[in-house]
Amino acid sequence: MNPTTAASHHDGVSDHMDDWHFLSDESPDPLSQEGCSEDRPPEQKGKLKSRLMSVWNSVKYGFSLKQKAKFNKSSPVNMLGKCYDVGDIGDKERFRRSFASLLWLTYRRGFSPLPGSSLTTDSGWGCVLRTGQMLLARGLLLHLMPPGWTWSVRYCEVKDDMDLLRSSDSSEFAWASDTNKRIRHLSLGSLLDRPMEATHRRIVSWFADYPNAPFGIHRLVELGKSSGKKAGDWYGPSTVSHILRKAVAASADLPSLVVYIAQDCTIYLQDVRKLCERPHPHCWKSIIILVPVRLGGQELNPSYITCVKNLLKLESCIGIIGGKPKHSLFFIGFQDDNLLYLDPHYCQPTVDIKKKNFPLESFHCKHPRKMPFSRMDPSCTIGFYAKGQAEFESLCAAVNETVSRSAEMYPMFIFAEGERREAEEDCVFS
């Protein structure tokens, strides 16, 4: 399928936002494109496979990036609890800012070898780990940043941190075109010292491709060993949920945050209370709740689509680790019958986060992408976040009402009083 046909196949609407692009996923599974010759030793085969996968995904993304995302200006766009009228200039800009502020965590290449392997890239196999990182990152932004925070335009519209320029006719920082003379300002340091931007940068560093990063690919692969996984294996959404829980529990940076994973599509309230309660009265830890579900057999049962939409409308929802079979995507919202997502299948060079003021742009995406609900894989993990006890009670009420509306179907998941000892892994949805 050529790029033009692919774009038409994905969107099916006539109107569009100017200068926005989206990724077409009609190419075959890159795992079938390895082409390692039989006479190579295993170590060379692994390195060759890594290089081929990086090239494949980068070329695929590069061609697709030329296409424009088409949005119906007469329909609202819902994204992570917010609704935007994209036909309105102000609302469209707010949507741009909110989308660009999400952390985009993709395949990387050129990092130090992963535990127990010679792999220096996760291209071709680590997409579920990356979508899991993006869901956790969304939860951390809600946990640590002020309500409604967005990445400032002075940061998100530049190529990298050193491309902040002063306009010739304004005291405000502005992006200058490549034809303009580039000027570096000493005031950049003072901007980066602002508490919100410093916290933003610190959160990004936690997901770096570096062995000591608490939520980086090296750490997640190491934690996956207890689940029988290793670098290069396929990680299912449920397995990644348990890896994220272990990573947060082991992190010294987040003593006030816990992760709970629903068992058998059930959130046991007594277990949550035990996990969140602190010795001090009326004081709760913040919580991320992960709910692995299967919404059909081999394909998504269409009866669940309305419920998925309603969950993505909730402010407590932090996204869905999902995608297509063997092709994970991070679902963040929808318009009409199309899901909005962030795609990890773009292989970028590793960023050295040990450098002061390391560039942030590659951790943010400016271009929304869309996919019909009909192509959604039924196996997924839905994430929620609650700041404290009051927020958790509100989450329970809102989610319970949303899930129970689907009277014709058995509920996706339920809340239940009582407790159940947390199992180490639930492989049903792996």
Protein backbone atom coordinates (compact mmCIF):
# COMPACT_ATOMS: atom_id res chain seq x y z
CA MET A 1 0.00 0.00 0.00
CA ASN A 2 1.47 3.37 -0.95
CA PRO A 3 1.64 6.22 1.61
CA THR A 4 -1.29 8.11 0.13
CA THR A 5 -3.56 5.09 0.18
CA ALA A 6 -2.42 4.25 3.72
CA ALA A 7 -3.32 7.72 4.96
CA SER A 8 -6.76 7.49 3.41
CA HIS A 9 -7.29 4.02 4.85
CA HIS A 10 -6.45 5.21 8.36
CA ASP A 11 -8.49 8.37 8.64
CA GLY A 12 -11.42 8.42 6.27
CA VAL A 13 -12.32 12.05 7.00
CA SER A 14 -12.08 14.96 4.61
CA ASP A 15 -10.98 17.80 6.88
CA HIS A 16 -7.57 18.12 8.50
CA MET A 17 -5.37 20.30 10.67
CA ASP A 18 -2.63 22.02 8.73
CA ASP A 19 1.00 20.87 9.15
CA TRP A 20 0.20 17.89 11.41
CA HIS A 21 1.51 14.47 10.43
CA PHE A 22 0.72 10.93 11.47
CA LEU A 23 2.32 7.54 11.13
CA SER A 24 0.91 4.89 8.81
CA ASP A 25 1.33 1.32 10.04
CA GLU A 26 0.48 -0.64 6.90
CA SER A 27 3.99 -2.01 6.46
CA PRO A 28 4.57 -5.69 7.28
CA ASP A 29 5.87 -6.79 10.66
CA PRO A 30 9.58 -5.87 10.77
CA LEU A 31 10.32 -9.05 12.68
CA SER A 32 9.88 -10.93 9.42
CA GLN A 33 12.50 -8.80 7.69
CA GLU A 34 15.59 -9.88 9.66
CA GLY A 35 17.67 -11.51 6.93
CA CYS A 36 20.60 -12.71 9.06
CA SER A 37 22.73 -15.18 7.10
CA GLU A 38 23.09 -18.66 8.53
CA ASP A 39 26.90 -18.72 8.43
CA ARG A 40 27.35 -15.85 10.88
CA PRO A 41 28.23 -16.55 14.54
CA PRO A 42 25.39 -15.81 17.02
CA GLU A 43 26.95 -12.59 18.33
CA GLN A 44 27.35 -11.13 14.84
CA LYS A 45 23.82 -12.23 13.95
CA GLY A 46 22.51 -10.34 16.97
CA LYS A 47 24.38 -7.17 16.06
CA LEU A 48 23.32 -7.41 12.42
CA LYS A 49 19.72 -7.94 13.45
CA SER A 50 19.92 -4.86 15.69
CA ARG A 51 21.25 -2.73 12.84
CA LEU A 52 18.65 -4.04 10.38
CA MET A 53 15.81 -3.44 12.81
CA SER A 54 17.00 0.11 13.48
CA VAL A 55 17.23 0.89 9.76
CA TRP A 56 13.85 -0.73 9.05
CA ASN A 57 11.98 1.21 11.71
CA SER A 58 13.70 4.51 10.97
CA VAL A 59 12.99 4.27 7.21
CA LYS A 60 9.41 3.21 7.86
CA TYR A 61 8.83 6.16 10.16
CA GLY A 62 10.59 8.60 7.84
CA PHE A 63 8.38 7.80 4.85
CA SER A 64 5.19 7.89 6.92
CA LEU A 65 6.04 11.19 8.57
CA LYS A 66 5.36 12.94 5.28
CA GLN A 67 1.65 12.19 5.54
CA LYS A 68 -0.79 14.56 7.22
CA ALA A 69 -3.15 13.58 10.00
CA LYS A 70 -6.74 14.37 9.15
CA PHE A 71 -9.04 15.57 11.90
CA ASN A 72 -12.73 16.23 11.63
CA LYS A 73 -13.08 19.83 12.76
CA SER A 74 -16.75 19.34 13.60
CA SER A 75 -16.04 16.52 16.10
CA PRO A 76 -14.39 16.90 19.51
CA VAL A 77 -11.05 15.32 20.28
CA ASN A 78 -10.88 13.61 23.67
CA MET A 79 -7.46 13.04 25.21
CA LEU A 80 -6.74 11.84 28.75
CA GLY A 81 -9.72 13.45 30.41
CA LYS A 82 -9.82 16.64 28.35
CA CYS A 83 -12.08 17.52 25.44
CA TYR A 84 -10.92 19.84 22.65
CA ASP A 85 -12.87 21.59 19.92
CA VAL A 86 -10.25 21.43 17.16
CA GLY A 87 -12.34 23.72 14.97
CA ASP A 88 -11.59 26.51 17.45
CA ILE A 89 -8.13 28.10 17.09
CA GLY A 90 -7.58 28.48 20.82
CA ASP A 91 -8.70 24.95 21.65
CA LYS A 92 -6.62 23.54 18.81
CA GLU A 93 -3.55 25.25 20.25
CA ARG A 94 -4.33 23.90 23.73
CA PHE A 95 -4.54 20.42 22.21
CA ARG A 96 -1.19 20.92 20.48
CA ARG A 97 0.43 22.00 23.73
CA SER A 98 -1.07 19.16 25.77
CA PHE A 99 -0.10 16.54 23.20
CA ALA A 100 3.45 17.86 22.82
CA SER A 101 3.85 17.81 26.62
CA LEU A 102 3.39 14.03 26.87
CA LEU A 103 6.62 12.07 27.13
CA TRP A 104 7.36 10.13 23.95
CA LEU A 105 9.59 7.13 24.61
CA THR A 106 10.73 5.27 21.52
CA TYR A 107 13.17 2.67 20.32
CA ARG A 108 16.76 3.81 20.84
CA ARG A 109 20.10 2.68 19.47
CA GLY A 110 23.69 3.03 20.61
CA PHE A 111 23.25 2.47 24.36
CA SER A 112 25.45 0.15 26.43
CA PRO A 113 24.65 -3.59 26.05
CA LEU A 114 21.51 -4.75 27.82
CA PRO A 115 21.80 -7.21 30.75
CA GLY A 116 22.86 -10.67 29.61
CA SER A 117 23.12 -9.73 25.93
CA SER A 118 25.11 -7.85 23.31
CA LEU A 119 22.07 -5.83 22.19
CA THR A 120 22.60 -2.09 22.04
CA THR A 121 19.12 -1.31 20.69
CA ASP A 122 15.58 -2.42 21.52
CA SER A 123 14.39 -1.86 17.96
CA GLY A 124 12.00 -4.58 16.80
CA TRP A 125 11.15 -6.09 20.20
CA GLY A 126 10.92 -3.46 22.96
CA CYS A 127 7.77 -1.60 21.90
CA VAL A 128 5.63 -2.84 24.84
CA LEU A 129 8.34 -1.80 27.30
CA ARG A 130 8.34 1.63 25.65
CA THR A 131 4.55 2.03 25.78
CA GLY A 132 4.70 0.94 29.42
CA GLN A 133 7.28 3.64 30.03
CA MET A 134 5.00 6.22 28.40
CA LEU A 135 2.05 5.25 30.61
CA LEU A 136 4.21 5.43 33.74
CA ALA A 137 5.64 8.77 32.57
CA ARG A 138 2.13 10.17 32.24
CA GLY A 139 1.42 9.09 35.81
CA LEU A 140 4.65 10.70 37.05
CA LEU A 141 3.85 13.99 35.33
CA LEU A 142 0.50 14.05 37.13
CA HIS A 143 2.19 13.03 40.38
CA LEU A 144 5.01 15.59 40.37
CA MET A 145 3.94 18.50 38.17
CA PRO A 146 1.28 21.15 38.93
CA PRO A 147 -2.26 20.47 37.63
CA GLY A 148 -2.62 21.40 33.98
CA TRP A 149 1.13 21.67 33.39
CA THR A 150 2.25 21.82 29.77
CA TRP A 151 5.71 22.09 28.31
CA SER A 152 6.34 25.76 27.62
CA VAL A 153 6.23 26.82 23.97
CA ARG A 154 9.71 28.27 24.35
CA TYR A 155 10.93 24.72 24.84
CA CYS A 156 8.68 22.55 22.69
CA GLU A 157 9.01 24.57 19.48
CA VAL A 158 12.80 24.37 19.27
CA LYS A 159 15.05 21.78 17.68
CA ASP A 160 17.02 21.34 20.88
CA ASP A 161 17.71 23.25 24.07
CA MET A 162 20.36 25.47 22.48
CA ASP A 163 18.13 26.70 19.66
CA LEU A 164 16.24 29.21 21.79
CA LEU A 165 16.61 32.52 19.99
CA ARG A 166 15.59 36.09 20.66
CA SER A 167 13.29 37.59 18.07
CA SER A 168 14.53 40.84 16.49
CA ASP A 169 11.30 42.63 17.31
CA SER A 170 10.38 41.13 20.68
CA SER A 171 11.89 40.44 24.08
CA GLU A 172 10.27 37.02 24.09
CA PHE A 173 12.14 33.91 22.98
CA ALA A 174 11.11 32.64 19.59
CA TRP A 175 12.04 29.98 17.09
CA ALA A 176 14.04 31.32 14.15
CA SER A 177 14.13 29.63 10.78
CA ASP A 178 17.26 27.95 9.48
CA THR A 179 17.97 31.02 7.35
CA ASN A 180 18.19 33.28 10.40
CA LYS A 181 21.39 33.79 12.35
CA ARG A 182 21.43 31.55 15.42
CA ILE A 183 22.23 33.23 18.72
CA ARG A 184 22.86 31.42 21.97
CA HIS A 185 21.66 33.10 25.13
CA LEU A 186 23.18 32.91 28.58
CA SER A 187 19.69 33.26 30.02
CA LEU A 188 18.90 29.67 28.98
CA GLY A 189 20.38 28.41 32.23
CA SER A 190 18.03 30.54 34.29
CA LEU A 191 15.06 29.20 32.35
CA LEU A 192 16.10 25.60 32.98
CA ASP A 193 16.49 26.36 36.68
CA ARG A 194 12.79 26.99 37.00
CA PRO A 195 11.38 24.32 39.31
CA MET A 196 8.82 22.93 36.87
CA GLU A 197 11.31 22.56 34.04
CA ALA A 198 13.91 21.06 36.38
CA THR A 199 11.36 18.45 37.50
CA HIS A 200 10.37 17.78 33.91
CA ARG A 201 14.02 17.18 33.01
CA ARG A 202 14.49 14.93 36.04
CA ILE A 203 11.51 12.77 35.05
CA VAL A 204 12.90 12.41 31.53
CA SER A 205 16.26 11.31 32.96
CA TRP A 206 14.56 8.49 34.90
CA PHE A 207 13.63 6.87 31.56
CA ALA A 208 17.05 7.28 29.95
CA ASP A 209 18.79 4.38 28.19
CA TYR A 210 21.30 4.13 30.96
CA PRO A 211 21.90 1.23 33.43
CA ASN A 212 21.30 3.37 36.52
CA ALA A 213 18.07 5.01 35.31
CA PRO A 214 15.25 3.66 37.55
CA PHE A 215 12.77 3.24 34.67
CA GLY A 216 15.18 2.94 31.74
CA ILE A 217 15.30 0.01 29.34
CA HIS A 218 18.26 -1.58 31.17
CA ARG A 219 16.41 -1.60 34.49
CA LEU A 220 13.18 -2.93 32.98
CA VAL A 221 15.00 -5.76 31.19
CA GLU A 222 16.79 -6.66 34.42
CA LEU A 223 13.48 -6.77 36.32
CA GLY A 224 11.93 -8.86 33.55
CA LYS A 225 14.28 -11.74 34.28
CA SER A 226 12.09 -12.87 37.18
CA SER A 227 9.26 -13.24 34.66
CA GLY A 228 11.38 -15.45 32.42
CA LYS A 229 12.05 -12.62 29.98
CA LYS A 230 15.32 -11.40 28.52
CA ALA A 231 16.51 -8.71 26.11
CA GLY A 232 15.14 -9.45 22.66
CA ASP A 233 12.02 -11.28 23.90
CA TRP A 234 8.44 -10.17 23.35
CA TYR A 235 6.94 -8.57 26.48
CA GLY A 236 3.15 -8.64 26.82
CA PRO A 237 1.19 -5.77 28.44
CA SER A 238 0.49 -7.72 31.64
CA THR A 239 4.13 -8.72 32.08
CA VAL A 240 5.20 -5.11 31.55
CA SER A 241 2.67 -4.01 34.19
CA HIS A 242 4.38 -6.20 36.79
CA ILE A 243 7.81 -4.93 35.71
CA LEU A 244 6.64 -1.32 36.18
CA ARG A 245 5.27 -2.15 39.63
CA LYS A 246 8.63 -3.60 40.70
CA ALA A 247 10.52 -0.63 39.24
CA VAL A 248 8.44 1.92 41.17
CA ALA A 249 8.67 -0.12 44.38
CA ALA A 250 12.48 -0.22 44.06
CA SER A 251 12.86 3.49 43.33
CA ALA A 252 14.11 5.69 46.15
CA ASP A 253 12.86 8.77 44.28
CA LEU A 254 9.14 8.00 44.70
CA PRO A 255 8.42 7.04 48.32
CA SER A 256 4.89 8.46 48.14
CA LEU A 257 3.81 6.50 45.02
CA VAL A 258 2.71 2.86 44.71
CA VAL A 259 1.49 0.71 41.82
CA TYR A 260 -1.41 -1.74 42.11
CA ILE A 261 -2.21 -4.37 39.48
CA ALA A 262 -5.73 -5.73 39.20
CA GLN A 263 -6.01 -9.54 39.42
CA ASP A 264 -8.60 -11.46 37.40
CA CYS A 265 -10.02 -8.13 36.16
CA THR A 266 -10.82 -7.18 39.76
CA ILE A 267 -9.61 -4.24 41.84
CA TYR A 268 -9.69 -5.39 45.47
CA LEU A 269 -10.35 -2.32 47.58
CA GLN A 270 -8.91 -3.69 50.81
CA ASP A 271 -5.66 -4.46 49.04
CA VAL A 272 -5.54 -0.91 47.70
CA ARG A 273 -6.15 0.56 51.14
CA LYS A 274 -3.38 -1.53 52.68
CA LEU A 275 -1.02 -0.43 49.94
CA CYS A 276 -1.86 3.27 50.24
CA GLU A 277 -2.42 3.85 53.95
CA ARG A 278 0.35 5.55 55.90
CA PRO A 279 0.88 5.53 59.67
CA HIS A 280 -0.22 9.16 59.88
CA PRO A 281 -4.04 9.41 60.03
CA HIS A 282 -5.85 10.54 56.92
CA CYS A 283 -2.71 10.32 54.83
CA TRP A 284 -2.53 8.19 51.70
CA LYS A 285 0.13 7.48 49.17
CA SER A 286 -0.61 8.29 45.56
CA ILE A 287 -1.41 5.27 43.40
CA ILE A 288 -1.20 4.09 39.83
CA ILE A 289 -3.69 1.32 39.08
CA LEU A 290 -3.00 -0.98 36.14
CA VAL A 291 -5.79 -3.20 34.84
CA PRO A 292 -4.82 -5.91 32.31
CA VAL A 293 -7.90 -6.89 30.28
CA ARG A 294 -8.82 -8.83 27.18
CA LEU A 295 -11.63 -7.26 25.16
CA GLY A 296 -12.55 -10.10 22.87
CA GLY A 297 -11.08 -13.22 21.28
CA GLN A 298 -8.74 -12.82 18.34
CA GLU A 299 -10.19 -9.37 17.56
CA LEU A 300 -11.64 -6.53 19.60
CA ASN A 301 -15.29 -7.04 20.46
CA PRO A 302 -16.98 -3.86 19.09
CA SER A 303 -19.29 -3.77 22.10
CA TYR A 304 -16.38 -2.59 24.22
CA ILE A 305 -15.55 0.46 22.10
CA THR A 306 -17.97 2.81 23.86
CA CYS A 307 -16.57 1.81 27.24
CA VAL A 308 -12.98 2.38 26.08
CA LYS A 309 -13.97 5.84 24.84
CA ASN A 310 -15.65 6.70 28.14
CA LEU A 311 -12.61 5.57 30.13
CA LEU A 312 -10.33 7.78 28.02
CA LYS A 313 -12.62 10.71 28.86
CA LEU A 314 -11.84 10.35 32.58
CA GLU A 315 -9.23 12.66 34.13
CA SER A 316 -8.00 9.73 36.23
CA CYS A 317 -7.14 7.69 33.12
CA ILE A 318 -3.43 7.86 32.20
CA GLY A 319 -3.69 5.89 28.96
CA ILE A 320 -3.74 2.36 27.59
CA ILE A 321 -0.84 0.02 26.80
CA GLY A 322 -2.26 -1.57 23.68
CA GLY A 323 -1.83 -1.63 19.93
CA LYS A 324 -2.08 -4.18 17.17
CA PRO A 325 -0.82 -7.77 17.41
CA LYS A 326 2.96 -7.66 18.03
CA HIS A 327 2.91 -3.89 17.49
CA SER A 328 2.40 -1.95 20.70
CA LEU A 329 1.03 1.61 20.82
CA PHE A 330 0.21 3.97 23.67
CA PHE A 331 -3.45 5.00 23.36
CA ILE A 332 -4.22 8.43 24.81
CA GLY A 333 -7.56 9.48 23.32
CA PHE A 334 -9.90 9.36 20.35
CA GLN A 335 -11.91 11.26 17.79
CA ASP A 336 -15.01 9.62 16.34
CA ASP A 337 -14.04 6.01 15.54
CA ASN A 338 -10.28 6.56 15.61
CA LEU A 339 -7.88 6.14 18.51
CA LEU A 340 -5.12 8.69 19.11
CA TYR A 341 -1.75 7.26 20.06
CA LEU A 342 1.95 7.73 20.55
CA ASP A 343 4.08 5.25 18.60
CA PRO A 344 7.39 3.91 19.95
CA HIS A 345 8.47 2.45 16.57
CA TYR A 346 10.89 5.21 15.68
CA CYS A 347 14.50 4.30 16.41
CA GLN A 348 16.37 7.36 17.67
CA PRO A 349 19.98 7.73 18.85
CA THR A 350 20.49 7.41 22.58
CA VAL A 351 20.67 10.74 24.43
CA ASP A 352 23.47 11.19 26.95
CA ILE A 353 21.50 12.41 29.95
CA LYS A 354 24.71 12.90 31.95
CA LYS A 355 25.41 16.02 29.91
CA LYS A 356 24.13 19.22 31.44
CA ASN A 357 21.06 20.54 29.63
CA PHE A 358 20.82 17.46 27.42
CA PRO A 359 18.37 17.97 24.49
CA LEU A 360 14.76 17.15 25.30
CA GLU A 361 13.08 17.35 21.91
CA SER A 362 13.43 13.65 21.07
CA PHE A 363 11.38 12.85 24.18
CA HIS A 364 8.36 14.78 22.88
CA CYS A 365 6.26 14.26 19.76
CA LYS A 366 4.47 17.06 17.90
CA HIS A 367 2.46 14.88 15.52
CA PRO A 368 -0.69 13.01 16.67
CA ARG A 369 -1.40 9.67 15.00
CA LYS A 370 -4.67 7.85 14.49
CA MET A 371 -5.90 4.29 14.11
CA PRO A 372 -9.41 2.85 13.73
CA PHE A 373 -10.80 1.17 16.85
CA SER A 374 -11.48 -1.90 14.70
CA ARG A 375 -7.72 -2.57 14.50
CA MET A 376 -7.14 -2.45 18.26
CA ASP A 377 -5.71 -5.65 19.74
CA PRO A 378 -8.07 -7.04 22.43
CA SER A 379 -5.19 -7.54 24.89
CA CYS A 380 -4.31 -4.32 26.69
CA THR A 381 -3.63 -2.69 30.06
CA ILE A 382 -5.60 0.36 31.20
CA GLY A 383 -3.94 2.81 33.60
CA PHE A 384 -5.38 5.15 36.24
CA TYR A 385 -3.85 7.59 38.74
CA ALA A 386 -5.14 8.98 42.05
CA LYS A 387 -3.24 11.63 44.05
CA GLY A 388 -4.75 10.70 47.41
CA GLN A 389 -7.68 9.03 49.16
CA ALA A 390 -10.32 11.52 48.02
CA GLU A 391 -9.12 11.22 44.42
CA PHE A 392 -9.15 7.43 44.71
CA GLU A 393 -12.76 7.42 45.93
CA SER A 394 -13.72 9.70 43.03
CA LEU A 395 -11.83 7.41 40.63
CA CYS A 396 -13.74 4.38 41.89
CA ALA A 397 -17.09 6.11 41.47
CA ALA A 398 -16.34 7.47 38.01
CA VAL A 399 -14.76 4.27 36.65
CA ASN A 400 -17.44 2.05 38.18
CA GLU A 401 -20.18 4.13 36.57
CA THR A 402 -18.40 4.10 33.21
CA VAL A 403 -17.78 0.34 33.20
CA SER A 404 -21.26 -0.56 34.42
CA ARG A 405 -22.93 1.37 31.58
CA SER A 406 -22.15 -1.46 29.14
CA ALA A 407 -25.19 -3.47 30.18
CA GLU A 408 -25.06 -5.78 27.16
CA MET A 409 -21.53 -6.95 27.97
CA TYR A 410 -19.87 -8.45 30.99
CA PRO A 411 -17.96 -5.54 32.63
CA MET A 412 -14.34 -5.07 31.56
CA PHE A 413 -13.33 -5.18 35.22
CA ILE A 414 -14.93 -4.66 38.62
CA PHE A 415 -14.24 -3.23 42.07
CA ALA A 416 -14.68 -5.62 44.99
CA GLU A 417 -14.39 -5.32 48.76
CA GLY A 418 -11.96 -7.72 50.36
CA GLU A 419 -8.46 -8.71 49.46
CA ARG A 420 -6.48 -11.12 47.37
CA ARG A 421 -2.80 -11.82 47.74
CA GLU A 422 -1.06 -10.39 44.73
CA ALA A 423 0.13 -13.06 42.32
CA GLU A 424 3.61 -12.71 40.91
CA GLU A 425 2.52 -12.78 37.27
CA ASP A 426 -0.72 -13.22 35.40
CA CYS A 427 0.20 -14.48 31.95
CA VAL A 428 -3.32 -14.61 30.51
CA PHE A 429 -2.79 -11.28 28.73
CA SER A 430 0.93 -11.59 28.08
